[in-house]
Amino acid sequence: MIPQLRGWTAVQRTPQNNVRLGATLCFVAGATNAGGFLAVGQYTSHMTGVVSSVADHLVLGQIGLALAGLASLVAFISGAMTTAWMVNWGLRRNLQSAYGRPLLLEAALLLIFGLFGSGINFFAGLFVPLTVLVLCFIMGLQNAVITKISNAEIRTTHVTGLVTDLGIELGKLFYVNRLTREKMVMANRKKLRLHAKLISSFFVGGLLGAVGFKTIGYVTTVPLAILLLLLVWRPVLNDAKKWMDLNHPDHEL
């Protein structure tokens, strides 16, 4: 299983690798989102709710809360922008790790959160807002990775869209074609299985993330970081080796 992981973040891709990576990242997103809620009392991938809350707080005159929600939105967008920068920079330089680098950054942030998250309890006024922003950044970072890889066919944190697409395909599946055999309504069973798999992965990740955080605390994110590292270490290592060979004093130009 481990040797097969090397291709999941490779530049040369297959649809099967996209699905595998998408399901894995959905699991990570679900676990991070659920753990983040138990840590700071806020879901950090739900930008629909964040934007709605900003509007509500503005109407209610709660400017501070509105600004906090706006900061969360900016953090999510910044994560997506960072992925775009890193991936395009890597692709223009023909790096094998072009898609893996944002996940490497995500792994580092999750590792920091897991190892030093206990400080939130002691300095809540400072670290809770910062943690919310970091988790929103991570969600934007990760969602943009699989969106870019799959040409927007797969999302990992946007469960609303996944559930909507699942409902559409289920509607087609149970539609009764009585009147004519022409232009029959047919469900795309491949998409149906894909969306069901992604939603299930997010749910299982959320379940295990919540249980893990409740029992062992912040270090629950450490295995998630290790999982991401397993996905990206080979392409990153290959690029590092290539760079070292090119910059070696004995390298012939």
C-alpha atoms as a PDB file:
ATOM      1  CA  MET A   1       0.000   0.000   0.000  1.00  0.00           C
ATOM      2  CA  ILE A   2       2.745   2.465   0.987  1.00  0.00           C
ATOM      3  CA  PRO A   3       4.638   2.261  -2.348  1.00  0.00           C
ATOM      4  CA  GLN A   4       1.393   3.044  -4.196  1.00  0.00           C
ATOM      5  CA  LEU A   5       0.976   6.293  -2.272  1.00  0.00           C
ATOM      6  CA  ARG A   6       3.840   7.897  -4.181  1.00  0.00           C
ATOM      7  CA  GLY A   7       1.658   8.403  -7.246  1.00  0.00           C
ATOM      8  CA  TRP A   8      -1.268   9.971  -5.455  1.00  0.00           C
ATOM      9  CA  THR A   9       0.302  13.436  -5.526  1.00  0.00           C
ATOM     10  CA  ALA A  10       2.340  13.011  -8.713  1.00  0.00           C
ATOM     11  CA  VAL A  11       2.038  15.441 -11.614  1.00  0.00           C
ATOM     12  CA  GLN A  12       1.325  12.579 -14.044  1.00  0.00           C
ATOM     13  CA  ARG A  13      -2.063  11.445 -12.782  1.00  0.00           C
ATOM     14  CA  THR A  14      -4.886   8.984 -13.334  1.00  0.00           C
ATOM     15  CA  PRO A  15      -8.586   9.422 -12.476  1.00  0.00           C
ATOM     16  CA  GLN A  16      -8.178   6.609  -9.942  1.00  0.00           C
ATOM     17  CA  ASN A  17      -5.413   8.515  -8.159  1.00  0.00           C
ATOM     18  CA  ASN A  18      -7.639  11.607  -8.054  1.00  0.00           C
ATOM     19  CA  VAL A  19     -10.398   9.650  -6.336  1.00  0.00           C
ATOM     20  CA  ARG A  20      -7.983   8.048  -3.861  1.00  0.00           C
ATOM     21  CA  LEU A  21      -6.386  11.365  -3.011  1.00  0.00           C
ATOM     22  CA  GLY A  22      -9.775  13.063  -2.802  1.00  0.00           C
ATOM     23  CA  ALA A  23     -11.134  10.456  -0.376  1.00  0.00           C
ATOM     24  CA  THR A  24      -7.995  10.678   1.763  1.00  0.00           C
ATOM     25  CA  LEU A  25      -8.118  14.457   1.916  1.00  0.00           C
ATOM     26  CA  CYS A  26     -11.838  14.342   2.733  1.00  0.00           C
ATOM     27  CA  PHE A  27     -10.955  12.115   5.685  1.00  0.00           C
ATOM     28  CA  VAL A  28      -8.265  14.564   6.831  1.00  0.00           C
ATOM     29  CA  ALA A  29     -10.607  17.533   6.369  1.00  0.00           C
ATOM     30  CA  GLY A  30     -13.388  15.856   8.342  1.00  0.00           C
ATOM     31  CA  ALA A  31     -11.060  14.973  11.204  1.00  0.00           C
ATOM     32  CA  THR A  32      -9.487  18.440  11.259  1.00  0.00           C
ATOM     33  CA  ASN A  33     -12.848  20.183  11.090  1.00  0.00           C
ATOM     34  CA  ALA A  34     -14.340  18.116  13.920  1.00  0.00           C
ATOM     35  CA  GLY A  35     -11.219  18.409  16.071  1.00  0.00           C
ATOM     36  CA  GLY A  36     -11.059  22.125  15.410  1.00  0.00           C
ATOM     37  CA  PHE A  37     -14.649  22.522  16.580  1.00  0.00           C
ATOM     38  CA  LEU A  38     -13.879  20.791  19.873  1.00  0.00           C
ATOM     39  CA  ALA A  39     -10.758  22.938  20.233  1.00  0.00           C
ATOM     40  CA  VAL A  40     -12.127  26.382  19.437  1.00  0.00           C
ATOM     41  CA  GLY A  41     -15.897  25.887  19.164  1.00  0.00           C
ATOM     42  CA  GLN A  42     -16.071  26.723  15.469  1.00  0.00           C
ATOM     43  CA  TYR A  43     -16.180  24.765  12.217  1.00  0.00           C
ATOM     44  CA  THR A  44     -13.440  26.082   9.967  1.00  0.00           C
ATOM     45  CA  SER A  45     -14.408  24.703   6.556  1.00  0.00           C
ATOM     46  CA  HIS A  46     -17.973  26.058   6.527  1.00  0.00           C
ATOM     47  CA  MET A  47     -17.524  29.302   4.618  1.00  0.00           C
ATOM     48  CA  THR A  48     -21.240  29.495   3.802  1.00  0.00           C
ATOM     49  CA  GLY A  49     -21.954  29.798   7.511  1.00  0.00           C
ATOM     50  CA  VAL A  50     -19.077  32.213   8.008  1.00  0.00           C
ATOM     51  CA  VAL A  51     -20.328  34.609   5.341  1.00  0.00           C
ATOM     52  CA  SER A  52     -23.875  34.384   6.721  1.00  0.00           C
ATOM     53  CA  SER A  53     -22.627  35.060  10.246  1.00  0.00           C
ATOM     54  CA  VAL A  54     -20.743  38.160   9.065  1.00  0.00           C
ATOM     55  CA  ALA A  55     -23.990  39.545   7.635  1.00  0.00           C
ATOM     56  CA  ASP A  56     -25.916  38.676  10.818  1.00  0.00           C
ATOM     57  CA  HIS A  57     -23.354  40.270  13.114  1.00  0.00           C
ATOM     58  CA  LEU A  58     -23.256  43.439  11.035  1.00  0.00           C
ATOM     59  CA  VAL A  59     -27.034  43.794  11.242  1.00  0.00           C
ATOM     60  CA  LEU A  60     -26.940  43.163  15.004  1.00  0.00           C
ATOM     61  CA  GLY A  61     -24.187  45.735  15.438  1.00  0.00           C
ATOM     62  CA  GLN A  62     -21.642  43.143  16.610  1.00  0.00           C
ATOM     63  CA  ILE A  63     -18.750  44.602  14.658  1.00  0.00           C
ATOM     64  CA  GLY A  64     -16.056  42.613  16.467  1.00  0.00           C
ATOM     65  CA  LEU A  65     -17.670  39.276  15.627  1.00  0.00           C
ATOM     66  CA  ALA A  66     -18.274  40.400  12.050  1.00  0.00           C
ATOM     67  CA  LEU A  67     -14.587  41.267  11.670  1.00  0.00           C
ATOM     68  CA  ALA A  68     -13.618  37.887  13.160  1.00  0.00           C
ATOM     69  CA  GLY A  69     -15.786  36.119  10.584  1.00  0.00           C
ATOM     70  CA  LEU A  70     -14.315  38.246   7.803  1.00  0.00           C
ATOM     71  CA  ALA A  71     -10.806  37.322   8.985  1.00  0.00           C
ATOM     72  CA  SER A  72     -11.750  33.616   8.811  1.00  0.00           C
ATOM     73  CA  LEU A  73     -12.972  34.099   5.243  1.00  0.00           C
ATOM     74  CA  VAL A  74      -9.762  35.893   4.270  1.00  0.00           C
ATOM     75  CA  ALA A  75      -7.705  33.101   5.865  1.00  0.00           C
ATOM     76  CA  PHE A  76      -9.567  30.454   3.822  1.00  0.00           C
ATOM     77  CA  ILE A  77      -9.104  32.448   0.614  1.00  0.00           C
ATOM     78  CA  SER A  78      -5.428  32.979   1.465  1.00  0.00           C
ATOM     79  CA  GLY A  79      -5.004  29.209   1.816  1.00  0.00           C
ATOM     80  CA  ALA A  80      -6.490  28.644  -1.630  1.00  0.00           C
ATOM     81  CA  MET A  81      -4.312  31.412  -3.080  1.00  0.00           C
ATOM     82  CA  THR A  82      -1.213  29.878  -1.492  1.00  0.00           C
ATOM     83  CA  THR A  83      -1.983  26.540  -3.123  1.00  0.00           C
ATOM     84  CA  ALA A  84      -2.374  28.215  -6.515  1.00  0.00           C
ATOM     85  CA  TRP A  85       0.964  29.999  -6.096  1.00  0.00           C
ATOM     86  CA  MET A  86       2.814  26.891  -4.940  1.00  0.00           C
ATOM     87  CA  VAL A  87       1.348  24.553  -7.556  1.00  0.00           C
ATOM     88  CA  ASN A  88       1.882  26.930 -10.488  1.00  0.00           C
ATOM     89  CA  TRP A  89       5.408  27.717  -9.292  1.00  0.00           C
ATOM     90  CA  GLY A  90       6.193  24.010  -9.127  1.00  0.00           C
ATOM     91  CA  LEU A  91       4.606  23.157 -12.473  1.00  0.00           C
ATOM     92  CA  ARG A  92       6.538  25.904 -14.262  1.00  0.00           C
ATOM     93  CA  ARG A  93       9.734  24.355 -12.915  1.00  0.00           C
ATOM     94  CA  ASN A  94       8.694  20.805 -13.797  1.00  0.00           C
ATOM     95  CA  LEU A  95       8.787  19.677 -10.168  1.00  0.00           C
ATOM     96  CA  GLN A  96       7.352  16.269  -9.291  1.00  0.00           C
ATOM     97  CA  SER A  97       6.194  17.721  -5.971  1.00  0.00           C
ATOM     98  CA  ALA A  98       4.186  20.583  -7.490  1.00  0.00           C
ATOM     99  CA  TYR A  99       0.903  19.202  -6.099  1.00  0.00           C
ATOM    100  CA  GLY A 100       2.479  17.843  -2.941  1.00  0.00           C
ATOM    101  CA  ARG A 101       4.044  21.036  -1.626  1.00  0.00           C
ATOM    102  CA  PRO A 102       0.793  22.585  -0.323  1.00  0.00           C
ATOM    103  CA  LEU A 103       0.077  19.300   1.476  1.00  0.00           C
ATOM    104  CA  LEU A 104       3.561  19.422   2.963  1.00  0.00           C
ATOM    105  CA  LEU A 105       2.751  22.872   4.340  1.00  0.00           C
ATOM    106  CA  GLU A 106      -0.566  21.558   5.654  1.00  0.00           C
ATOM    107  CA  ALA A 107       1.205  18.666   7.379  1.00  0.00           C
ATOM    108  CA  ALA A 108       3.602  21.106   9.063  1.00  0.00           C
ATOM    109  CA  LEU A 109       0.738  23.289  10.319  1.00  0.00           C
ATOM    110  CA  LEU A 110      -1.198  20.269  11.615  1.00  0.00           C
ATOM    111  CA  LEU A 111       1.940  19.032  13.348  1.00  0.00           C
ATOM    112  CA  ILE A 112       2.402  22.392  15.071  1.00  0.00           C
ATOM    113  CA  PHE A 113      -1.271  22.444  16.057  1.00  0.00           C
ATOM    114  CA  GLY A 114      -1.054  18.931  17.463  1.00  0.00           C
ATOM    115  CA  LEU A 115       2.155  19.404  19.403  1.00  0.00           C
ATOM    116  CA  PHE A 116       1.560  22.894  20.767  1.00  0.00           C
ATOM    117  CA  GLY A 117      -2.250  23.078  20.793  1.00  0.00           C
ATOM    118  CA  SER A 118      -2.380  22.604  24.558  1.00  0.00           C
ATOM    119  CA  GLY A 119      -1.201  26.207  24.852  1.00  0.00           C
ATOM    120  CA  ILE A 120      -4.665  27.263  23.708  1.00  0.00           C
ATOM    121  CA  ASN A 121      -6.004  26.369  27.137  1.00  0.00           C
ATOM    122  CA  PHE A 122      -3.530  28.673  28.873  1.00  0.00           C
ATOM    123  CA  PHE A 123      -3.623  31.637  26.497  1.00  0.00           C
ATOM    124  CA  ALA A 124      -7.132  31.343  25.063  1.00  0.00           C
ATOM    125  CA  GLY A 125      -7.498  35.055  24.331  1.00  0.00           C
ATOM    126  CA  LEU A 126      -4.478  34.996  22.019  1.00  0.00           C
ATOM    127  CA  PHE A 127      -4.377  31.465  20.609  1.00  0.00           C
ATOM    128  CA  VAL A 128      -8.054  30.721  19.957  1.00  0.00           C
ATOM    129  CA  PRO A 129      -8.453  33.434  17.263  1.00  0.00           C
ATOM    130  CA  LEU A 130      -5.067  32.492  15.795  1.00  0.00           C
ATOM    131  CA  THR A 131      -6.002  28.801  15.751  1.00  0.00           C
ATOM    132  CA  VAL A 132      -9.262  29.558  13.938  1.00  0.00           C
ATOM    133  CA  LEU A 133      -7.357  31.461  11.254  1.00  0.00           C
ATOM    134  CA  VAL A 134      -4.761  28.697  10.874  1.00  0.00           C
ATOM    135  CA  LEU A 135      -7.439  26.007  10.540  1.00  0.00           C
ATOM    136  CA  CYS A 136      -9.370  28.101   7.984  1.00  0.00           C
ATOM    137  CA  PHE A 137      -6.122  28.593   6.068  1.00  0.00           C
ATOM    138  CA  ILE A 138      -5.519  24.825   6.121  1.00  0.00           C
ATOM    139  CA  MET A 139      -9.017  24.110   4.810  1.00  0.00           C
ATOM    140  CA  GLY A 140      -8.601  26.579   1.942  1.00  0.00           C
ATOM    141  CA  LEU A 141      -5.134  25.218   1.187  1.00  0.00           C
ATOM    142  CA  GLN A 142      -6.316  21.621   1.022  1.00  0.00           C
ATOM    143  CA  ASN A 143      -9.544  22.200  -0.867  1.00  0.00           C
ATOM    144  CA  ALA A 144      -7.686  24.103  -3.565  1.00  0.00           C
ATOM    145  CA  VAL A 145      -5.167  21.255  -4.011  1.00  0.00           C
ATOM    146  CA  ILE A 146      -7.683  18.601  -5.042  1.00  0.00           C
ATOM    147  CA  THR A 147      -9.775  21.183  -6.926  1.00  0.00           C
ATOM    148  CA  LYS A 148      -6.771  22.077  -9.072  1.00  0.00           C
ATOM    149  CA  ILE A 149      -5.640  18.467  -9.494  1.00  0.00           C
ATOM    150  CA  SER A 150      -9.071  17.180 -10.554  1.00  0.00           C
ATOM    151  CA  ASN A 151     -10.056  20.222 -12.647  1.00  0.00           C
ATOM    152  CA  ALA A 152     -12.752  21.141 -10.118  1.00  0.00           C
ATOM    153  CA  GLU A 153     -14.415  17.705 -10.223  1.00  0.00           C
ATOM    154  CA  ILE A 154     -13.594  16.895  -6.592  1.00  0.00           C
ATOM    155  CA  ARG A 155     -13.902  18.953  -3.410  1.00  0.00           C
ATOM    156  CA  THR A 156     -12.764  17.882   0.039  1.00  0.00           C
ATOM    157  CA  THR A 157     -14.233  20.456   2.422  1.00  0.00           C
ATOM    158  CA  HIS A 158     -17.248  21.652   0.413  1.00  0.00           C
ATOM    159  CA  VAL A 159     -19.658  18.962   1.611  1.00  0.00           C
ATOM    160  CA  THR A 160     -22.704  21.100   0.717  1.00  0.00           C
ATOM    161  CA  GLY A 161     -21.771  20.841  -2.948  1.00  0.00           C
ATOM    162  CA  LEU A 162     -21.087  17.115  -2.647  1.00  0.00           C
ATOM    163  CA  VAL A 163     -24.446  16.473  -0.999  1.00  0.00           C
ATOM    164  CA  THR A 164     -26.188  18.589  -3.655  1.00  0.00           C
ATOM    165  CA  ASP A 165     -24.566  16.600  -6.463  1.00  0.00           C
ATOM    166  CA  LEU A 166     -25.429  13.355  -4.672  1.00  0.00           C
ATOM    167  CA  GLY A 167     -29.061  14.454  -4.430  1.00  0.00           C
ATOM    168  CA  ILE A 168     -29.168  15.322  -8.126  1.00  0.00           C
ATOM    169  CA  GLU A 169     -27.850  11.893  -9.124  1.00  0.00           C
ATOM    170  CA  LEU A 170     -30.214  10.129  -6.709  1.00  0.00           C
ATOM    171  CA  GLY A 171     -33.092  12.082  -8.251  1.00  0.00           C
ATOM    172  CA  LYS A 172     -32.067  10.789 -11.675  1.00  0.00           C
ATOM    173  CA  LEU A 173     -31.609   7.262 -10.333  1.00  0.00           C
ATOM    174  CA  PHE A 174     -35.146   7.038  -8.983  1.00  0.00           C
ATOM    175  CA  TYR A 175     -36.774   8.941 -11.837  1.00  0.00           C
ATOM    176  CA  VAL A 176     -39.404   6.813 -13.585  1.00  0.00           C
ATOM    177  CA  ASN A 177     -39.126   7.043 -17.395  1.00  0.00           C
ATOM    178  CA  ARG A 178     -42.707   6.172 -18.360  1.00  0.00           C
ATOM    179  CA  LEU A 179     -43.693   8.247 -21.374  1.00  0.00           C
ATOM    180  CA  THR A 180     -40.865   7.691 -23.841  1.00  0.00           C
ATOM    181  CA  ARG A 181     -37.599   5.883 -24.320  1.00  0.00           C
ATOM    182  CA  GLU A 182     -36.084   8.934 -25.974  1.00  0.00           C
ATOM    183  CA  LYS A 183     -34.109  11.369 -23.836  1.00  0.00           C
ATOM    184  CA  MET A 184     -34.371   9.063 -20.857  1.00  0.00           C
ATOM    185  CA  VAL A 185     -33.223  10.400 -17.510  1.00  0.00           C
ATOM    186  CA  MET A 186     -30.283   8.298 -16.379  1.00  0.00           C
ATOM    187  CA  ALA A 187     -28.135   8.658 -13.273  1.00  0.00           C
ATOM    188  CA  ASN A 188     -24.379   8.907 -13.603  1.00  0.00           C
ATOM    189  CA  ARG A 189     -23.541   5.963 -11.368  1.00  0.00           C
ATOM    190  CA  LYS A 190     -19.847   6.773 -11.441  1.00  0.00           C
ATOM    191  CA  LYS A 191     -20.493  10.247 -10.018  1.00  0.00           C
ATOM    192  CA  LEU A 192     -22.963   8.753  -7.555  1.00  0.00           C
ATOM    193  CA  ARG A 193     -20.318   6.396  -6.174  1.00  0.00           C
ATOM    194  CA  LEU A 194     -17.710   9.163  -6.123  1.00  0.00           C
ATOM    195  CA  HIS A 195     -19.819  11.626  -4.136  1.00  0.00           C
ATOM    196  CA  ALA A 196     -20.991   8.909  -1.747  1.00  0.00           C
ATOM    197  CA  LYS A 197     -17.364   7.883  -1.157  1.00  0.00           C
ATOM    198  CA  LEU A 198     -16.204  11.471  -0.536  1.00  0.00           C
ATOM    199  CA  ILE A 199     -19.064  12.254   1.854  1.00  0.00           C
ATOM    200  CA  SER A 200     -18.483   8.986   3.722  1.00  0.00           C
ATOM    201  CA  SER A 201     -14.761   9.732   4.026  1.00  0.00           C
ATOM    202  CA  PHE A 202     -15.481  13.180   5.444  1.00  0.00           C
ATOM    203  CA  PHE A 203     -17.968  11.718   7.937  1.00  0.00           C
ATOM    204  CA  VAL A 204     -15.642   8.929   9.082  1.00  0.00           C
ATOM    205  CA  GLY A 205     -12.818  11.454   9.418  1.00  0.00           C
ATOM    206  CA  GLY A 206     -15.057  13.717  11.482  1.00  0.00           C
ATOM    207  CA  LEU A 207     -16.135  10.816  13.675  1.00  0.00           C
ATOM    208  CA  LEU A 208     -12.602   9.615  14.365  1.00  0.00           C
ATOM    209  CA  GLY A 209     -11.310  13.168  14.740  1.00  0.00           C
ATOM    210  CA  ALA A 210     -13.942  13.987  17.349  1.00  0.00           C
ATOM    211  CA  VAL A 211     -13.345  10.729  19.246  1.00  0.00           C
ATOM    212  CA  GLY A 212      -9.594  11.193  19.077  1.00  0.00           C
ATOM    213  CA  PHE A 213      -9.699  14.779  20.241  1.00  0.00           C
ATOM    214  CA  LYS A 214     -12.060  13.890  23.075  1.00  0.00           C
ATOM    215  CA  THR A 215      -9.816  11.055  24.297  1.00  0.00           C
ATOM    216  CA  ILE A 216      -6.225  12.125  23.604  1.00  0.00           C
ATOM    217  CA  GLY A 217      -6.557  15.824  22.753  1.00  0.00           C
ATOM    218  CA  TYR A 218      -4.622  17.922  20.275  1.00  0.00           C
ATOM    219  CA  VAL A 219      -2.117  15.215  19.332  1.00  0.00           C
ATOM    220  CA  THR A 220      -4.940  13.669  17.274  1.00  0.00           C
ATOM    221  CA  THR A 221      -3.757  15.838  14.390  1.00  0.00           C
ATOM    222  CA  VAL A 222      -0.250  14.324  14.478  1.00  0.00           C
ATOM    223  CA  PRO A 223      -1.325  11.080  12.696  1.00  0.00           C
ATOM    224  CA  LEU A 224      -3.111  13.243  10.119  1.00  0.00           C
ATOM    225  CA  ALA A 225       0.122  15.145   9.495  1.00  0.00           C
ATOM    226  CA  ILE A 226       2.014  11.852   9.156  1.00  0.00           C
ATOM    227  CA  LEU A 227      -0.569  10.608   6.640  1.00  0.00           C
ATOM    228  CA  LEU A 228      -0.055  13.727   4.515  1.00  0.00           C
ATOM    229  CA  LEU A 229       3.714  13.307   4.753  1.00  0.00           C
ATOM    230  CA  LEU A 230       3.384   9.739   3.447  1.00  0.00           C
ATOM    231  CA  LEU A 231       1.534  11.142   0.441  1.00  0.00           C
ATOM    232  CA  VAL A 232       4.165  13.731  -0.470  1.00  0.00           C
ATOM    233  CA  TRP A 233       7.555  12.557   0.815  1.00  0.00           C
ATOM    234  CA  ARG A 234       8.648  10.682  -2.319  1.00  0.00           C
ATOM    235  CA  PRO A 235       8.080  13.480  -4.885  1.00  0.00           C
ATOM    236  CA  VAL A 236       9.569  16.057  -2.483  1.00  0.00           C
ATOM    237  CA  LEU A 237      12.609  13.837  -1.905  1.00  0.00           C
ATOM    238  CA  ASN A 238      13.086  13.282  -5.645  1.00  0.00           C
ATOM    239  CA  ASP A 239      13.005  17.026  -6.327  1.00  0.00           C
ATOM    240  CA  ALA A 240      15.439  17.699  -3.483  1.00  0.00           C
ATOM    241  CA  LYS A 241      17.827  15.065  -4.855  1.00  0.00           C
ATOM    242  CA  LYS A 242      17.537  16.516  -8.353  1.00  0.00           C
ATOM    243  CA  TRP A 243      18.260  20.020  -7.030  1.00  0.00           C
ATOM    244  CA  MET A 244      21.292  18.792  -5.104  1.00  0.00           C
ATOM    245  CA  ASP A 245      22.635  16.989  -8.187  1.00  0.00           C
ATOM    246  CA  LEU A 246      22.232  20.097 -10.325  1.00  0.00           C
ATOM    247  CA  ASN A 247      24.006  22.273  -7.738  1.00  0.00           C
ATOM    248  CA  HIS A 248      26.779  19.803  -6.990  1.00  0.00           C
ATOM    249  CA  PRO A 249      30.248  21.213  -7.749  1.00  0.00           C
ATOM    250  CA  ASP A 250      31.029  18.242 -10.003  1.00  0.00           C
ATOM    251  CA  HIS A 251      27.872  18.683 -12.075  1.00  0.00           C
ATOM    252  CA  GLU A 252      28.686  19.327 -15.725  1.00  0.00           C
ATOM    253  CA  LEU A 253      26.849  22.185 -17.329  1.00  0.00           C
END
